[in-house]
Amino acid sequence: MGGVPEALGTLMDENHALLCEIGVSSPALDGLAEAARRAGASGAKLSGAGRGGNLIALVTAETQEAVVSTMRAAGAADVIVTTVGESQR
């Protein structure tokens, strides 16, 4: 089963913008989201309660390293990489 990651990235960006409008983001999360996008993430959005919480960035194998290093340089307290894909049975 495949998906359309590019469409998901756009939806993540739109959702983050809406969360900013209702005041649940923070300048720190907004900066990290923008840094992730500049480094090659297809999309980025806050997750959880916001206000210094968590950010999810959608990356590919090709953009992962650049996004991780850019987020660290931009002040991310920690970066956890999770791979999602087909099951290896």
PDB file of N, CA and C in Angstrom:
ATOM      1  N   MET A   1       0.845  -1.172   0.000  1.00  0.00           N
ATOM      2  CA  MET A   1       0.000   0.000   0.000  1.00  0.00           C
ATOM      3  C   MET A   1       0.891   1.235   0.000  1.00  0.00           C
ATOM      4  N   GLY A   2       0.693   2.091  -0.952  1.00  0.00           N
ATOM      5  CA  GLY A   2       1.517   3.288  -1.054  1.00  0.00           C
ATOM      6  C   GLY A   2       0.728   4.525  -0.698  1.00  0.00           C
ATOM      7  N   GLY A   3       1.430   5.602  -0.569  1.00  0.00           N
ATOM      8  CA  GLY A   3       0.797   6.868  -0.242  1.00  0.00           C
ATOM      9  C   GLY A   3       1.373   7.972  -1.098  1.00  0.00           C
ATOM     10  N   VAL A   4       1.030   9.175  -0.742  1.00  0.00           N
ATOM     11  CA  VAL A   4       1.538  10.339  -1.458  1.00  0.00           C
ATOM     12  C   VAL A   4       2.192  11.242  -0.427  1.00  0.00           C
ATOM     13  N   PRO A   5       3.461  10.965  -0.095  1.00  0.00           N
ATOM     14  CA  PRO A   5       4.131  11.734   0.960  1.00  0.00           C
ATOM     15  C   PRO A   5       4.143  13.239   0.712  1.00  0.00           C
ATOM     16  N   GLU A   6       4.252  13.651  -0.567  1.00  0.00           N
ATOM     17  CA  GLU A   6       4.272  15.083  -0.856  1.00  0.00           C
ATOM     18  C   GLU A   6       2.968  15.741  -0.420  1.00  0.00           C
ATOM     19  N   ALA A   7       1.851  15.048  -0.646  1.00  0.00           N
ATOM     20  CA  ALA A   7       0.552  15.584  -0.221  1.00  0.00           C
ATOM     21  C   ALA A   7       0.480  15.650   1.293  1.00  0.00           C
ATOM     22  N   LEU A   8       1.029  14.660   1.970  1.00  0.00           N
ATOM     23  CA  LEU A   8       1.032  14.657   3.428  1.00  0.00           C
ATOM     24  C   LEU A   8       1.849  15.835   3.952  1.00  0.00           C
ATOM     25  N   GLY A   9       2.992  16.097   3.345  1.00  0.00           N
ATOM     26  CA  GLY A   9       3.823  17.221   3.771  1.00  0.00           C
ATOM     27  C   GLY A   9       3.093  18.547   3.656  1.00  0.00           C
ATOM     28  N   THR A  10       2.377  18.740   2.570  1.00  0.00           N
ATOM     29  CA  THR A  10       1.600  19.966   2.381  1.00  0.00           C
ATOM     30  C   THR A  10       0.519  20.087   3.445  1.00  0.00           C
ATOM     31  N   LEU A  11      -0.156  18.987   3.728  1.00  0.00           N
ATOM     32  CA  LEU A  11      -1.200  19.004   4.759  1.00  0.00           C
ATOM     33  C   LEU A  11      -0.608  19.292   6.139  1.00  0.00           C
ATOM     34  N   MET A  12       0.587  18.765   6.410  1.00  0.00           N
ATOM     35  CA  MET A  12       1.241  19.044   7.686  1.00  0.00           C
ATOM     36  C   MET A  12       1.543  20.534   7.816  1.00  0.00           C
ATOM     37  N   ASP A  13       2.047  21.127   6.738  1.00  0.00           N
ATOM     38  CA  ASP A  13       2.353  22.562   6.761  1.00  0.00           C
ATOM     39  C   ASP A  13       1.088  23.389   6.977  1.00  0.00           C
ATOM     40  N   GLU A  14       0.013  23.016   6.291  1.00  0.00           N
ATOM     41  CA  GLU A  14      -1.256  23.730   6.448  1.00  0.00           C
ATOM     42  C   GLU A  14      -1.776  23.599   7.874  1.00  0.00           C
ATOM     43  N   ASN A  15      -1.658  22.396   8.445  1.00  0.00           N
ATOM     44  CA  ASN A  15      -2.118  22.186   9.808  1.00  0.00           C
ATOM     45  C   ASN A  15      -1.306  23.005  10.792  1.00  0.00           C
ATOM     46  N   HIS A  16       0.003  23.073  10.585  1.00  0.00           N
ATOM     47  CA  HIS A  16       0.838  23.866  11.483  1.00  0.00           C
ATOM     48  C   HIS A  16       0.430  25.342  11.423  1.00  0.00           C
ATOM     49  N   ALA A  17       0.148  25.825  10.219  1.00  0.00           N
ATOM     50  CA  ALA A  17      -0.279  27.221  10.067  1.00  0.00           C
ATOM     51  C   ALA A  17      -1.584  27.469  10.828  1.00  0.00           C
ATOM     52  N   LEU A  18      -2.519  26.534  10.757  1.00  0.00           N
ATOM     53  CA  LEU A  18      -3.778  26.683  11.496  1.00  0.00           C
ATOM     54  C   LEU A  18      -3.542  26.672  13.008  1.00  0.00           C
ATOM     55  N   LEU A  19      -2.645  25.811  13.458  1.00  0.00           N
ATOM     56  CA  LEU A  19      -2.330  25.753  14.888  1.00  0.00           C
ATOM     57  C   LEU A  19      -1.674  27.057  15.350  1.00  0.00           C
ATOM     58  N   CYS A  20      -0.871  27.658  14.491  1.00  0.00           N
ATOM     59  CA  CYS A  20      -0.290  28.975  14.797  1.00  0.00           C
ATOM     60  C   CYS A  20      -1.391  30.011  14.953  1.00  0.00           C
ATOM     61  N   GLU A  21      -2.363  29.983  14.037  1.00  0.00           N
ATOM     62  CA  GLU A  21      -3.455  30.955  14.074  1.00  0.00           C
ATOM     63  C   GLU A  21      -4.273  30.880  15.363  1.00  0.00           C
ATOM     64  N   ILE A  22      -4.442  29.670  15.906  1.00  0.00           N
ATOM     65  CA  ILE A  22      -5.237  29.563  17.132  1.00  0.00           C
ATOM     66  C   ILE A  22      -4.378  29.709  18.388  1.00  0.00           C
ATOM     67  N   GLY A  23      -3.086  29.951  18.212  1.00  0.00           N
ATOM     68  CA  GLY A  23      -2.223  30.299  19.335  1.00  0.00           C
ATOM     69  C   GLY A  23      -1.650  29.158  20.143  1.00  0.00           C
ATOM     70  N   VAL A  24      -1.567  27.954  19.553  1.00  0.00           N
ATOM     71  CA  VAL A  24      -1.006  26.848  20.334  1.00  0.00           C
ATOM     72  C   VAL A  24       0.431  26.502  19.953  1.00  0.00           C
ATOM     73  N   SER A  25       0.995  27.244  19.014  1.00  0.00           N
ATOM     74  CA  SER A  25       2.394  27.028  18.675  1.00  0.00           C
ATOM     75  C   SER A  25       3.252  27.954  19.525  1.00  0.00           C
ATOM     76  N   SER A  26       4.517  28.017  19.202  1.00  0.00           N
ATOM     77  CA  SER A  26       5.437  28.919  19.894  1.00  0.00           C
ATOM     78  C   SER A  26       6.492  29.364  18.889  1.00  0.00           C
ATOM     79  N   PRO A  27       7.162  30.468  19.159  1.00  0.00           N
ATOM     80  CA  PRO A  27       8.229  30.897  18.245  1.00  0.00           C
ATOM     81  C   PRO A  27       9.304  29.818  18.067  1.00  0.00           C
ATOM     82  N   ALA A  28       9.604  29.077  19.132  1.00  0.00           N
ATOM     83  CA  ALA A  28      10.621  28.025  19.033  1.00  0.00           C
ATOM     84  C   ALA A  28      10.181  26.929  18.063  1.00  0.00           C
ATOM     85  N   LEU A  29       8.928  26.477  18.186  1.00  0.00           N
ATOM     86  CA  LEU A  29       8.431  25.437  17.285  1.00  0.00           C
ATOM     87  C   LEU A  29       8.309  25.954  15.854  1.00  0.00           C
ATOM     88  N   ASP A  30       7.860  27.194  15.702  1.00  0.00           N
ATOM     89  CA  ASP A  30       7.750  27.774  14.362  1.00  0.00           C
ATOM     90  C   ASP A  30       9.125  27.837  13.695  1.00  0.00           C
ATOM     91  N   GLY A  31      10.135  28.210  14.462  1.00  0.00           N
ATOM     92  CA  GLY A  31      11.497  28.275  13.932  1.00  0.00           C
ATOM     93  C   GLY A  31      12.030  26.909  13.550  1.00  0.00           C
ATOM     94  N   LEU A  32      11.740  25.904  14.360  1.00  0.00           N
ATOM     95  CA  LEU A  32      12.186  24.549  14.038  1.00  0.00           C
ATOM     96  C   LEU A  32      11.473  24.019  12.803  1.00  0.00           C
ATOM     97  N   ALA A  33      10.180  24.300  12.682  1.00  0.00           N
ATOM     98  CA  ALA A  33       9.428  23.858  11.504  1.00  0.00           C
ATOM     99  C   ALA A  33      10.003  24.488  10.244  1.00  0.00           C
ATOM    100  N   GLU A  34      10.276  25.773  10.300  1.00  0.00           N
ATOM    101  CA  GLU A  34      10.836  26.467   9.146  1.00  0.00           C
ATOM    102  C   GLU A  34      12.236  25.938   8.821  1.00  0.00           C
ATOM    103  N   ALA A  35      13.043  25.683   9.833  1.00  0.00           N
ATOM    104  CA  ALA A  35      14.387  25.138   9.613  1.00  0.00           C
ATOM    105  C   ALA A  35      14.304  23.765   8.954  1.00  0.00           C
ATOM    106  N   ALA A  36      13.386  22.929   9.421  1.00  0.00           N
ATOM    107  CA  ALA A  36      13.219  21.590   8.843  1.00  0.00           C
ATOM    108  C   ALA A  36      12.829  21.688   7.368  1.00  0.00           C
ATOM    109  N   ARG A  37      11.902  22.578   7.055  1.00  0.00           N
ATOM    110  CA  ARG A  37      11.469  22.747   5.659  1.00  0.00           C
ATOM    111  C   ARG A  37      12.626  23.236   4.784  1.00  0.00           C
ATOM    112  N   ARG A  38      13.378  24.224   5.283  1.00  0.00           N
ATOM    113  CA  ARG A  38      14.518  24.749   4.512  1.00  0.00           C
ATOM    114  C   ARG A  38      15.553  23.666   4.249  1.00  0.00           C
ATOM    115  N   ALA A  39      15.681  22.718   5.180  1.00  0.00           N
ATOM    116  CA  ALA A  39      16.681  21.658   5.043  1.00  0.00           C
ATOM    117  C   ALA A  39      16.195  20.496   4.178  1.00  0.00           C
ATOM    118  N   GLY A  40      14.927  20.545   3.749  1.00  0.00           N
ATOM    119  CA  GLY A  40      14.449  19.513   2.835  1.00  0.00           C
ATOM    120  C   GLY A  40      13.268  18.693   3.305  1.00  0.00           C
ATOM    121  N   ALA A  41      12.733  18.971   4.492  1.00  0.00           N
ATOM    122  CA  ALA A  41      11.550  18.241   4.944  1.00  0.00           C
ATOM    123  C   ALA A  41      10.377  18.561   4.029  1.00  0.00           C
ATOM    124  N   SER A  42       9.581  17.559   3.729  1.00  0.00           N
ATOM    125  CA  SER A  42       8.394  17.754   2.881  1.00  0.00           C
ATOM    126  C   SER A  42       7.316  18.529   3.604  1.00  0.00           C
ATOM    127  N   GLY A  43       7.344  18.482   4.932  1.00  0.00           N
ATOM    128  CA  GLY A  43       6.375  19.183   5.755  1.00  0.00           C
ATOM    129  C   GLY A  43       6.788  19.079   7.207  1.00  0.00           C
ATOM    130  N   ALA A  44       6.219  19.943   8.047  1.00  0.00           N
ATOM    131  CA  ALA A  44       6.533  19.918   9.479  1.00  0.00           C
ATOM    132  C   ALA A  44       5.381  20.543  10.244  1.00  0.00           C
ATOM    133  N   LYS A  45       5.090  19.985  11.415  1.00  0.00           N
ATOM    134  CA  LYS A  45       4.010  20.518  12.247  1.00  0.00           C
ATOM    135  C   LYS A  45       4.249  20.170  13.699  1.00  0.00           C
ATOM    136  N   LEU A  46       3.663  20.976  14.559  1.00  0.00           N
ATOM    137  CA  LEU A  46       3.753  20.650  15.977  1.00  0.00           C
ATOM    138  C   LEU A  46       2.866  19.459  16.275  1.00  0.00           C
ATOM    139  N   SER A  47       3.167  18.782  17.341  1.00  0.00           N
ATOM    140  CA  SER A  47       2.377  17.643  17.790  1.00  0.00           C
ATOM    141  C   SER A  47       2.231  17.748  19.297  1.00  0.00           C
ATOM    142  N   GLY A  48       1.146  17.268  19.819  1.00  0.00           N
ATOM    143  CA  GLY A  48       0.931  17.355  21.258  1.00  0.00           C
ATOM    144  C   GLY A  48       0.347  18.698  21.621  1.00  0.00           C
ATOM    145  N   ALA A  49       0.679  19.180  22.775  1.00  0.00           N
ATOM    146  CA  ALA A  49       0.080  20.403  23.300  1.00  0.00           C
ATOM    147  C   ALA A  49       0.719  21.673  22.752  1.00  0.00           C
ATOM    148  N   GLY A  50       1.815  21.549  22.046  1.00  0.00           N
ATOM    149  CA  GLY A  50       2.486  22.736  21.521  1.00  0.00           C
ATOM    150  C   GLY A  50       3.208  23.485  22.616  1.00  0.00           C
ATOM    151  N   ARG A  51       3.439  24.776  22.383  1.00  0.00           N
ATOM    152  CA  ARG A  51       4.120  25.627  23.372  1.00  0.00           C
ATOM    153  C   ARG A  51       5.412  25.007  23.883  1.00  0.00           C
ATOM    154  N   GLY A  52       6.255  24.568  22.964  1.00  0.00           N
ATOM    155  CA  GLY A  52       7.527  23.988  23.367  1.00  0.00           C
ATOM    156  C   GLY A  52       7.500  22.479  23.403  1.00  0.00           C
ATOM    157  N   GLY A  53       6.445  21.894  22.851  1.00  0.00           N
ATOM    158  CA  GLY A  53       6.277  20.439  22.842  1.00  0.00           C
ATOM    159  C   GLY A  53       7.089  19.764  21.769  1.00  0.00           C
ATOM    160  N   ASN A  54       6.408  19.071  20.886  1.00  0.00           N
ATOM    161  CA  ASN A  54       7.065  18.248  19.874  1.00  0.00           C
ATOM    162  C   ASN A  54       6.774  18.745  18.473  1.00  0.00           C
ATOM    163  N   LEU A  55       7.695  18.438  17.581  1.00  0.00           N
ATOM    164  CA  LEU A  55       7.543  18.774  16.178  1.00  0.00           C
ATOM    165  C   LEU A  55       7.784  17.511  15.373  1.00  0.00           C
ATOM    166  N   ILE A  56       6.954  17.280  14.365  1.00  0.00           N
ATOM    167  CA  ILE A  56       7.134  16.154  13.455  1.00  0.00           C
ATOM    168  C   ILE A  56       7.521  16.725  12.097  1.00  0.00           C
ATOM    169  N   ALA A  57       8.596  16.211  11.529  1.00  0.00           N
ATOM    170  CA  ALA A  57       9.026  16.632  10.196  1.00  0.00           C
ATOM    171  C   ALA A  57       9.056  15.401   9.299  1.00  0.00           C
ATOM    172  N   LEU A  58       8.504  15.521   8.118  1.00  0.00           N
ATOM    173  CA  LEU A  58       8.460  14.427   7.155  1.00  0.00           C
ATOM    174  C   LEU A  58       9.675  14.526   6.242  1.00  0.00           C
ATOM    175  N   VAL A  59      10.521  13.502   6.301  1.00  0.00           N
ATOM    176  CA  VAL A  59      11.752  13.506   5.511  1.00  0.00           C
ATOM    177  C   VAL A  59      11.862  12.225   4.701  1.00  0.00           C
ATOM    178  N   THR A  60      12.773  12.233   3.761  1.00  0.00           N
ATOM    179  CA  THR A  60      13.109  11.033   2.994  1.00  0.00           C
ATOM    180  C   THR A  60      14.481  10.562   3.463  1.00  0.00           C
ATOM    181  N   ALA A  61      14.882   9.405   2.974  1.00  0.00           N
ATOM    182  CA  ALA A  61      16.226   8.911   3.304  1.00  0.00           C
ATOM    183  C   ALA A  61      17.280   9.909   2.834  1.00  0.00           C
ATOM    184  N   GLU A  62      16.999  10.600   1.723  1.00  0.00           N
ATOM    185  CA  GLU A  62      17.952  11.555   1.162  1.00  0.00           C
ATOM    186  C   GLU A  62      18.029  12.852   1.964  1.00  0.00           C
ATOM    187  N   THR A  63      16.933  13.273   2.585  1.00  0.00           N
ATOM    188  CA  THR A  63      16.929  14.551   3.301  1.00  0.00           C
ATOM    189  C   THR A  63      17.094  14.404   4.812  1.00  0.00           C
ATOM    190  N   GLN A  64      17.033  13.180   5.300  1.00  0.00           N
ATOM    191  CA  GLN A  64      17.064  12.945   6.755  1.00  0.00           C
ATOM    192  C   GLN A  64      18.266  13.576   7.441  1.00  0.00           C
ATOM    193  N   GLU A  65      19.449  13.310   6.962  1.00  0.00           N
ATOM    194  CA  GLU A  65      20.663  13.803   7.628  1.00  0.00           C
ATOM    195  C   GLU A  65      20.691  15.327   7.689  1.00  0.00           C
ATOM    196  N   ALA A  66      20.345  15.972   6.581  1.00  0.00           N
ATOM    197  CA  ALA A  66      20.358  17.439   6.539  1.00  0.00           C
ATOM    198  C   ALA A  66      19.315  18.015   7.495  1.00  0.00           C
ATOM    199  N   VAL A  67      18.134  17.425   7.528  1.00  0.00           N
ATOM    200  CA  VAL A  67      17.080  17.934   8.409  1.00  0.00           C
ATOM    201  C   VAL A  67      17.466  17.738   9.871  1.00  0.00           C
ATOM    202  N   VAL A  68      17.977  16.579  10.215  1.00  0.00           N
ATOM    203  CA  VAL A  68      18.379  16.316  11.603  1.00  0.00           C
ATOM    204  C   VAL A  68      19.458  17.297  12.044  1.00  0.00           C
ATOM    205  N   SER A  69      20.481  17.472  11.252  1.00  0.00           N
ATOM    206  CA  SER A  69      21.574  18.378  11.660  1.00  0.00           C
ATOM    207  C   SER A  69      21.098  19.826  11.714  1.00  0.00           C
ATOM    208  N   THR A  70      20.239  20.217  10.792  1.00  0.00           N
ATOM    209  CA  THR A  70      19.709  21.579  10.794  1.00  0.00           C
ATOM    210  C   THR A  70      18.834  21.822  12.013  1.00  0.00           C
ATOM    211  N   MET A  71      18.012  20.854  12.371  1.00  0.00           N
ATOM    212  CA  MET A  71      17.150  21.018  13.545  1.00  0.00           C
ATOM    213  C   MET A  71      17.988  21.115  14.819  1.00  0.00           C
ATOM    214  N   ARG A  72      19.029  20.310  14.912  1.00  0.00           N
ATOM    215  CA  ARG A  72      19.913  20.403  16.081  1.00  0.00           C
ATOM    216  C   ARG A  72      20.571  21.773  16.142  1.00  0.00           C
ATOM    217  N   ALA A  73      21.053  22.242  15.005  1.00  0.00           N
ATOM    218  CA  ALA A  73      21.697  23.553  14.955  1.00  0.00           C
ATOM    219  C   ALA A  73      20.713  24.676  15.272  1.00  0.00           C
ATOM    220  N   ALA A  74      19.426  24.449  14.979  1.00  0.00           N
ATOM    221  CA  ALA A  74      18.399  25.457  15.236  1.00  0.00           C
ATOM    222  C   ALA A  74      17.883  25.413  16.677  1.00  0.00           C
ATOM    223  N   GLY A  75      18.406  24.477  17.479  1.00  0.00           N
ATOM    224  CA  GLY A  75      18.057  24.455  18.890  1.00  0.00           C
ATOM    225  C   GLY A  75      17.156  23.336  19.355  1.00  0.00           C
ATOM    226  N   ALA A  76      16.917  22.332  18.525  1.00  0.00           N
ATOM    227  CA  ALA A  76      16.087  21.206  18.959  1.00  0.00           C
ATOM    228  C   ALA A  76      16.743  20.534  20.168  1.00  0.00           C
ATOM    229  N   ALA A  77      15.961  20.300  21.211  1.00  0.00           N
ATOM    230  CA  ALA A  77      16.486  19.669  22.422  1.00  0.00           C
ATOM    231  C   ALA A  77      16.895  18.228  22.154  1.00  0.00           C
ATOM    232  N   ASP A  78      16.177  17.562  21.280  1.00  0.00           N
ATOM    233  CA  ASP A  78      16.484  16.181  20.918  1.00  0.00           C
ATOM    234  C   ASP A  78      15.856  15.913  19.566  1.00  0.00           C
ATOM    235  N   VAL A  79      16.423  15.007  18.811  1.00  0.00           N
ATOM    236  CA  VAL A  79      15.866  14.612  17.529  1.00  0.00           C
ATOM    237  C   VAL A  79      15.794  13.094  17.516  1.00  0.00           C
ATOM    238  N   ILE A  80      14.605  12.567  17.297  1.00  0.00           N
ATOM    239  CA  ILE A  80      14.390  11.126  17.225  1.00  0.00           C
ATOM    240  C   ILE A  80      13.945  10.804  15.809  1.00  0.00           C
ATOM    241  N   VAL A  81      14.609   9.852  15.171  1.00  0.00           N
ATOM    242  CA  VAL A  81      14.276   9.458  13.810  1.00  0.00           C
ATOM    243  C   VAL A  81      13.524   8.139  13.859  1.00  0.00           C
ATOM    244  N   THR A  82      12.361   8.111  13.226  1.00  0.00           N
ATOM    245  CA  THR A  82      11.556   6.903  13.127  1.00  0.00           C
ATOM    246  C   THR A  82      11.324   6.610  11.670  1.00  0.00           C
ATOM    247  N   THR A  83      11.537   5.365  11.270  1.00  0.00           N
ATOM    248  CA  THR A  83      11.334   4.971   9.893  1.00  0.00           C
ATOM    249  C   THR A  83       9.992   4.271   9.772  1.00  0.00           C
ATOM    250  N   VAL A  84       9.213   4.704   8.816  1.00  0.00           N
ATOM    251  CA  VAL A  84       7.916   4.113   8.544  1.00  0.00           C
ATOM    252  C   VAL A  84       7.952   3.544   7.148  1.00  0.00           C
ATOM    253  N   GLY A  85       7.537   2.307   7.006  1.00  0.00           N
ATOM    254  CA  GLY A  85       7.564   1.709   5.674  1.00  0.00           C
ATOM    255  C   GLY A  85       6.962   0.338   5.696  1.00  0.00           C
ATOM    256  N   GLU A  86       7.190  -0.369   4.606  1.00  0.00           N
ATOM    257  CA  GLU A  86       6.676  -1.714   4.468  1.00  0.00           C
ATOM    258  C   GLU A  86       7.286  -2.642   5.515  1.00  0.00           C
ATOM    259  N   SER A  87       6.475  -3.540   6.014  1.00  0.00           N
ATOM    260  CA  SER A  87       6.920  -4.535   6.984  1.00  0.00           C
ATOM    261  C   SER A  87       7.932  -5.467   6.344  1.00  0.00           C
ATOM    262  N   GLN A  88       8.948  -5.854   7.077  1.00  0.00           N
ATOM    263  CA  GLN A  88       9.984  -6.773   6.588  1.00  0.00           C
ATOM    264  C   GLN A  88       9.716  -8.178   7.091  1.00  0.00           C
ATOM    265  N   ARG A  89       8.730  -8.832   6.524  1.00  0.00           N
ATOM    266  CA  ARG A  89       8.380 -10.205   6.970  1.00  0.00           C
ATOM    267  C   ARG A  89       9.059 -11.232   6.168  1.00  0.00           C
TER     268      ARG A  89
END
